[in-house]
Every structure is written in C-alpha cells, then in structure tokens.
C-alpha cells in the first residue's frame, strides 16, 4: 500500500488473503448474513462495505441487525460511507439536537431506518451510530496483487485531487464520463447504481465495477465481488 495524507479518505493495509466487496445492503440483514455465509471469510480475509447499509427493504427491514453484524465483524471489515448512511446520521443528530417538544414538528425521516432503529436502540446508541457513520471514509485506496484500487460509494477521484463529500456519495454531472473512463491507473469499485440488472456491472475498459445489485428493492439481489479472482457471489 501507499501511505500519505488523505483527508476524508483512508489508505488501507493490504496484508490480507482475499479482499471482498459488498455494497448497498439497504437494511436487508437476512441477505447480508446469507452472503457472508456464502463467501465464508477466513481469518486473513477482509471485507469492504461500500455504503448504503441503511434505508429501504420493505418486506423484512432490519437496520439494527445490519449494524450489529458490522460491529461483530470488527477489524475484518472496513465501511465506506454512502449517501443514505450520511442522511441517516445527519437526521439522528438533528432530531436529538432539538427540544423534545419540538420534535413532533420535524419532518419525518423519509425512509424506514430511523423509527426501526429507535425501537431497538437508545438515544445514546443512536448518537454513537451517527458518529460512527460520519467517521467512515468516503474513499479508500488499496493495492491488491500490484493493482491499485479506489473504493467509494458512488464515484472515485484520483488521490490528491480531492472533491467535496457529495461527489463520492452521489457522483456529479460527469458521472457518465466516470463510468466510461474511470480513473487513469486505477480500478474503481463502487455501488450506488444497479447498472447490471441485479448483477455486478463493469465497463468495457474493466476499470470501473458497480456492485449494487438492487438489494432493498423488490426482486433485487445482494452481490459480492472478490478482487483477487473477480469471482461474484449473490443472494
């Protein structure tokens, strides 16, 4: 790995056996657990979650279950912040920063995560979750078998040419150019868009992979990509 200043991002140690990517779990704790069973992480493997752990999944949503599983994985897992995670954390801080009598006037959180988390977590726990979310990096740079990778939720940027957080979380007007061209010298792996109709998508240059497989939506799947072998797994 290369090391150096990396504001609002992270350079990760790469002394692992296998590197796996999962993204856009969207409250589906059941699929997350089943996919972890399928890939069967070994002691020296490492898992990267590329954001949007929360919101959606209408038939069996379990944001607390997703969160507890991430905590259980501990140092075997690196989480990158997604736009839905970011929105949830900001809402938590906004809600609990208000006087209790004023909270009834606050616009409800537009997704199902907040009230479901309130059913299982205390105010202190929710604030700790929000702090944890906002501590997650927006981009990670790693090197696997000599190949440099950039990992982000929606869009990556060349290290040293830093963007506002929203670029990494949502992309920008040049998003389609990014999908076609990628970042020179790197393979970018992201989520955010289900471009492969339920399967992991890659561009023609094979330097951009999108691993969002529609989990959280009806007929969606949760996918996983192994960086060493490019093997894919689905639940």
Protein backbone atom coordinates (compact mmCIF):
# COMPACT_ATOMS: atom_id res chain seq x y z
CA UNK A 1 0.00 0.00 0.00
CA UNK A 2 0.99 3.63 -0.44
CA UNK A 3 0.79 5.91 2.56
CA UNK A 4 0.44 9.67 2.87
CA UNK A 5 -2.02 12.44 3.70
CA UNK A 6 -5.55 11.51 2.72
CA UNK A 7 -8.21 13.92 4.04
CA UNK A 8 -11.68 12.39 4.50
CA UNK A 9 -10.43 9.14 2.99
CA UNK A 10 -8.33 6.17 4.01
CA UNK A 11 -5.34 4.19 2.87
CA UNK A 12 -5.79 0.60 3.96
CA UNK A 13 -3.34 -2.11 4.94
CA UNK A 14 -3.47 -4.82 2.29
CA UNK A 15 -1.81 -7.78 4.01
CA UNK A 16 -4.90 -9.92 3.53
CA UNK A 17 -5.56 -13.21 1.80
CA UNK A 18 -8.70 -12.15 -0.09
CA UNK A 19 -10.48 -8.83 -0.44
CA UNK A 20 -14.28 -8.85 -0.82
CA UNK A 21 -16.66 -6.04 -1.76
CA UNK A 22 -20.34 -5.73 -0.76
CA UNK A 23 -22.41 -2.59 -1.21
CA UNK A 24 -25.95 -1.24 -0.89
CA UNK A 25 -27.29 -3.67 1.73
CA UNK A 26 -30.23 -1.31 2.38
CA UNK A 27 -31.43 -2.79 5.68
CA UNK A 28 -31.50 -6.37 4.38
CA UNK A 29 -29.82 -8.10 7.31
CA UNK A 30 -31.05 -11.52 6.10
CA UNK A 31 -29.34 -11.28 2.70
CA UNK A 32 -26.24 -9.82 4.34
CA UNK A 33 -25.97 -12.79 6.71
CA UNK A 34 -26.59 -15.31 3.91
CA UNK A 35 -23.97 -13.68 1.69
CA UNK A 36 -21.40 -13.72 4.49
CA UNK A 37 -22.10 -17.44 4.94
CA UNK A 38 -21.59 -17.97 1.21
CA UNK A 39 -18.22 -16.19 0.96
CA UNK A 40 -17.08 -17.67 4.30
CA UNK A 41 -14.49 -15.06 5.33
CA UNK A 42 -11.24 -16.58 6.53
CA UNK A 43 -9.11 -15.17 9.33
CA UNK A 44 -6.90 -13.14 6.97
CA UNK A 45 -9.66 -12.04 4.57
CA UNK A 46 -11.03 -8.51 4.59
CA UNK A 47 -14.46 -7.18 3.69
CA UNK A 48 -15.20 -3.70 2.33
CA UNK A 49 -18.75 -2.38 2.57
CA UNK A 50 -19.22 0.46 0.09
CA UNK A 51 -22.05 2.29 1.80
CA UNK A 52 -25.84 2.47 1.88
CA UNK A 53 -26.14 -0.03 4.67
CA UNK A 54 -29.45 1.57 5.67
CA UNK A 55 -32.93 2.57 4.35
CA UNK A 56 -35.47 0.66 2.22
CA UNK A 57 -36.07 -3.14 2.27
CA UNK A 58 -39.82 -3.10 2.83
CA UNK A 59 -40.55 -6.80 3.41
CA UNK A 60 -38.06 -7.57 6.21
CA UNK A 61 -36.11 -4.41 7.10
CA UNK A 62 -33.63 -4.79 9.95
CA UNK A 63 -31.21 -1.84 10.17
CA UNK A 64 -30.19 -2.78 13.71
CA UNK A 65 -29.33 -6.29 12.53
CA UNK A 66 -27.12 -4.87 9.78
CA UNK A 67 -25.41 -2.57 12.27
CA UNK A 68 -24.83 -5.34 14.84
CA UNK A 69 -23.35 -7.60 12.15
CA UNK A 70 -20.89 -4.86 11.15
CA UNK A 71 -19.88 -4.44 14.79
CA UNK A 72 -19.42 -8.20 15.05
CA UNK A 73 -17.09 -8.22 12.03
CA UNK A 74 -14.86 -5.69 13.76
CA UNK A 75 -11.45 -5.16 12.19
CA UNK A 76 -12.21 -7.67 9.42
CA UNK A 77 -14.48 -5.05 7.87
CA UNK A 78 -13.94 -1.53 6.53
CA UNK A 79 -17.06 0.57 5.90
CA UNK A 80 -17.22 3.41 3.39
CA UNK A 81 -19.97 6.00 3.83
CA UNK A 82 -22.91 6.06 1.40
CA UNK A 83 -25.44 8.81 0.82
CA UNK A 84 -28.22 7.01 2.73
CA UNK A 85 -25.90 6.44 5.70
CA UNK A 86 -24.92 10.11 5.60
CA UNK A 87 -28.56 11.27 5.52
CA UNK A 88 -29.50 8.98 8.41
CA UNK A 89 -26.62 10.20 10.60
CA UNK A 90 -27.46 13.85 9.98
CA UNK A 91 -31.14 13.23 10.78
CA UNK A 92 -30.24 11.50 14.04
CA UNK A 93 -28.14 14.44 15.17
CA UNK A 94 -30.78 16.93 14.04
CA UNK A 95 -33.60 15.06 15.82
CA UNK A 96 -31.80 14.65 19.13
CA UNK A 97 -30.41 18.18 18.93
CA UNK A 98 -33.94 19.59 19.19
CA UNK A 99 -36.04 20.15 22.29
CA UNK A 100 -38.26 17.12 22.80
CA UNK A 101 -41.43 19.21 22.45
CA UNK A 102 -40.28 20.44 19.01
CA UNK A 103 -39.58 17.00 17.56
CA UNK A 104 -43.25 16.46 16.63
CA UNK A 105 -42.93 19.39 14.22
CA UNK A 106 -39.88 17.90 12.49
CA UNK A 107 -40.42 16.40 9.06
CA UNK A 108 -40.27 12.58 9.48
CA UNK A 109 -37.24 10.79 8.13
CA UNK A 110 -38.25 9.79 4.57
CA UNK A 111 -37.08 6.19 4.90
CA UNK A 112 -37.82 3.42 7.40
CA UNK A 113 -34.47 3.18 9.20
CA UNK A 114 -34.85 5.84 11.87
CA UNK A 115 -38.05 4.62 13.53
CA UNK A 116 -36.93 0.97 13.27
CA UNK A 117 -33.63 1.83 14.98
CA UNK A 118 -35.50 3.77 17.66
CA UNK A 119 -37.38 0.57 18.53
CA UNK A 120 -34.14 -1.23 19.40
CA UNK A 121 -31.54 1.40 20.27
CA UNK A 122 -31.40 4.07 22.95
CA UNK A 123 -30.73 7.73 22.21
CA UNK A 124 -27.11 7.25 23.29
CA UNK A 125 -26.75 4.25 20.97
CA UNK A 126 -28.26 6.16 18.04
CA UNK A 127 -25.91 9.09 18.56
CA UNK A 128 -22.96 6.67 18.68
CA UNK A 129 -24.18 5.13 15.42
CA UNK A 130 -24.39 8.57 13.82
CA UNK A 131 -20.87 9.41 14.99
CA UNK A 132 -19.61 6.12 13.63
CA UNK A 133 -21.27 6.73 10.24
CA UNK A 134 -19.75 10.18 9.88
CA UNK A 135 -16.32 8.75 10.77
CA UNK A 136 -16.48 6.32 7.84
CA UNK A 137 -14.24 7.45 4.96
CA UNK A 138 -15.68 8.47 1.60
CA UNK A 139 -12.87 6.81 -0.37
CA UNK A 140 -10.32 4.09 0.31
CA UNK A 141 -7.22 3.37 -1.75
CA UNK A 142 -5.74 -0.15 -1.65
CA UNK A 143 -3.37 -2.23 -3.72
CA UNK A 144 -4.11 -5.89 -4.46
CA UNK A 145 -1.58 -8.08 -6.32
CA UNK A 146 0.17 -4.94 -7.55
CA UNK A 147 -3.03 -3.36 -8.89
CA UNK A 148 -4.17 -0.07 -7.29
CA UNK A 149 -7.88 0.16 -6.47
CA UNK A 150 -10.10 3.06 -5.45
CA UNK A 151 -13.21 2.21 -3.44
CA UNK A 152 -16.09 4.64 -2.88
CA UNK A 153 -19.87 4.56 -2.75
CA UNK A 154 -20.79 6.35 -5.98
CA UNK A 155 -17.73 7.84 -7.62
CA UNK A 156 -13.96 7.80 -7.08
CA UNK A 157 -11.40 10.54 -7.62
CA UNK A 158 -7.69 10.50 -8.29
CA UNK A 159 -5.89 10.67 -4.92
CA UNK A 160 -4.66 14.19 -4.27
CA UNK A 161 -7.44 15.73 -6.34
CA UNK A 162 -9.99 15.82 -3.55
CA UNK A 163 -13.64 16.52 -4.09
CA UNK A 164 -16.49 17.51 -1.81
CA UNK A 165 -18.05 14.57 0.06
CA UNK A 166 -21.14 14.67 -2.14
CA UNK A 167 -19.03 13.70 -5.17
CA UNK A 168 -18.04 10.40 -3.54
CA UNK A 169 -21.55 9.86 -2.13
CA UNK A 170 -23.65 10.73 -5.20
CA UNK A 171 -21.40 11.47 -8.20
CA UNK A 172 -21.69 14.66 -10.24
CA UNK A 173 -22.54 15.93 -13.73
CA UNK A 174 -19.58 13.95 -15.12
CA UNK A 175 -20.76 10.67 -13.62
CA UNK A 176 -21.39 9.04 -17.02
CA UNK A 177 -17.88 10.01 -18.10
CA UNK A 178 -16.52 8.39 -14.94
CA UNK A 179 -18.41 5.17 -15.68
CA UNK A 180 -16.91 5.07 -19.20
CA UNK A 181 -13.37 6.26 -18.47
CA UNK A 182 -12.74 5.50 -14.79
CA UNK A 183 -9.66 6.98 -13.09
CA UNK A 184 -6.40 6.51 -15.00
CA UNK A 185 -4.09 3.94 -13.39
CA UNK A 186 -6.73 2.56 -11.02
CA UNK A 187 -9.61 0.11 -10.93
CA UNK A 188 -12.59 1.82 -9.28
CA UNK A 189 -15.14 -0.23 -7.38
CA UNK A 190 -18.38 1.47 -6.33
CA UNK A 191 -22.06 0.88 -5.65
CA UNK A 192 -24.97 3.35 -5.73
CA UNK A 193 -26.37 2.33 -9.14
CA UNK A 194 -27.82 -1.05 -10.16
CA UNK A 195 -26.41 -0.93 -13.69
CA UNK A 196 -26.27 -4.70 -14.16
CA UNK A 197 -29.96 -5.50 -13.60
CA UNK A 198 -29.23 -7.48 -10.46
CA UNK A 199 -25.65 -8.44 -11.31
CA UNK A 200 -22.28 -6.78 -10.78
CA UNK A 201 -21.50 -4.47 -13.72
CA UNK A 202 -18.17 -3.48 -15.25
CA UNK A 203 -17.36 -1.06 -18.06
CA UNK A 204 -15.66 -2.01 -21.32
CA UNK A 205 -12.26 -0.91 -20.04
CA UNK A 206 -12.75 -3.14 -16.97
CA UNK A 207 -11.57 -0.32 -14.73
CA UNK A 208 -14.95 0.51 -13.15
CA UNK A 209 -17.07 -2.05 -11.30
CA UNK A 210 -20.50 -1.29 -9.83
CA UNK A 211 -21.56 -3.83 -7.20
CA UNK A 212 -25.06 -2.54 -6.38
CA UNK A 213 -27.40 -5.38 -7.37
CA UNK A 214 -30.70 -3.81 -6.29
CA UNK A 215 -30.87 -5.10 -2.72
CA UNK A 216 -33.66 -3.33 -0.84
CA UNK A 217 -35.93 -3.26 -3.89
CA UNK A 218 -38.40 -5.91 -4.99
CA UNK A 219 -36.57 -8.64 -6.97
CA UNK A 220 -33.20 -7.11 -6.09
CA UNK A 221 -30.16 -9.12 -5.01
CA UNK A 222 -27.14 -8.56 -2.79
CA UNK A 223 -23.85 -9.16 -4.58
CA UNK A 224 -20.22 -9.60 -3.61
CA UNK A 225 -17.03 -9.25 -5.65
CA UNK A 226 -13.67 -10.85 -4.80
CA UNK A 227 -10.92 -8.51 -6.01
CA UNK A 228 -8.27 -11.20 -6.43
CA UNK A 229 -10.30 -13.59 -8.58
CA UNK A 230 -13.15 -11.32 -9.79
CA UNK A 231 -15.49 -14.12 -8.66
CA UNK A 232 -19.00 -12.94 -7.90
CA UNK A 233 -21.50 -14.17 -5.30
CA UNK A 234 -25.22 -13.41 -5.00
CA UNK A 235 -28.10 -13.89 -2.59
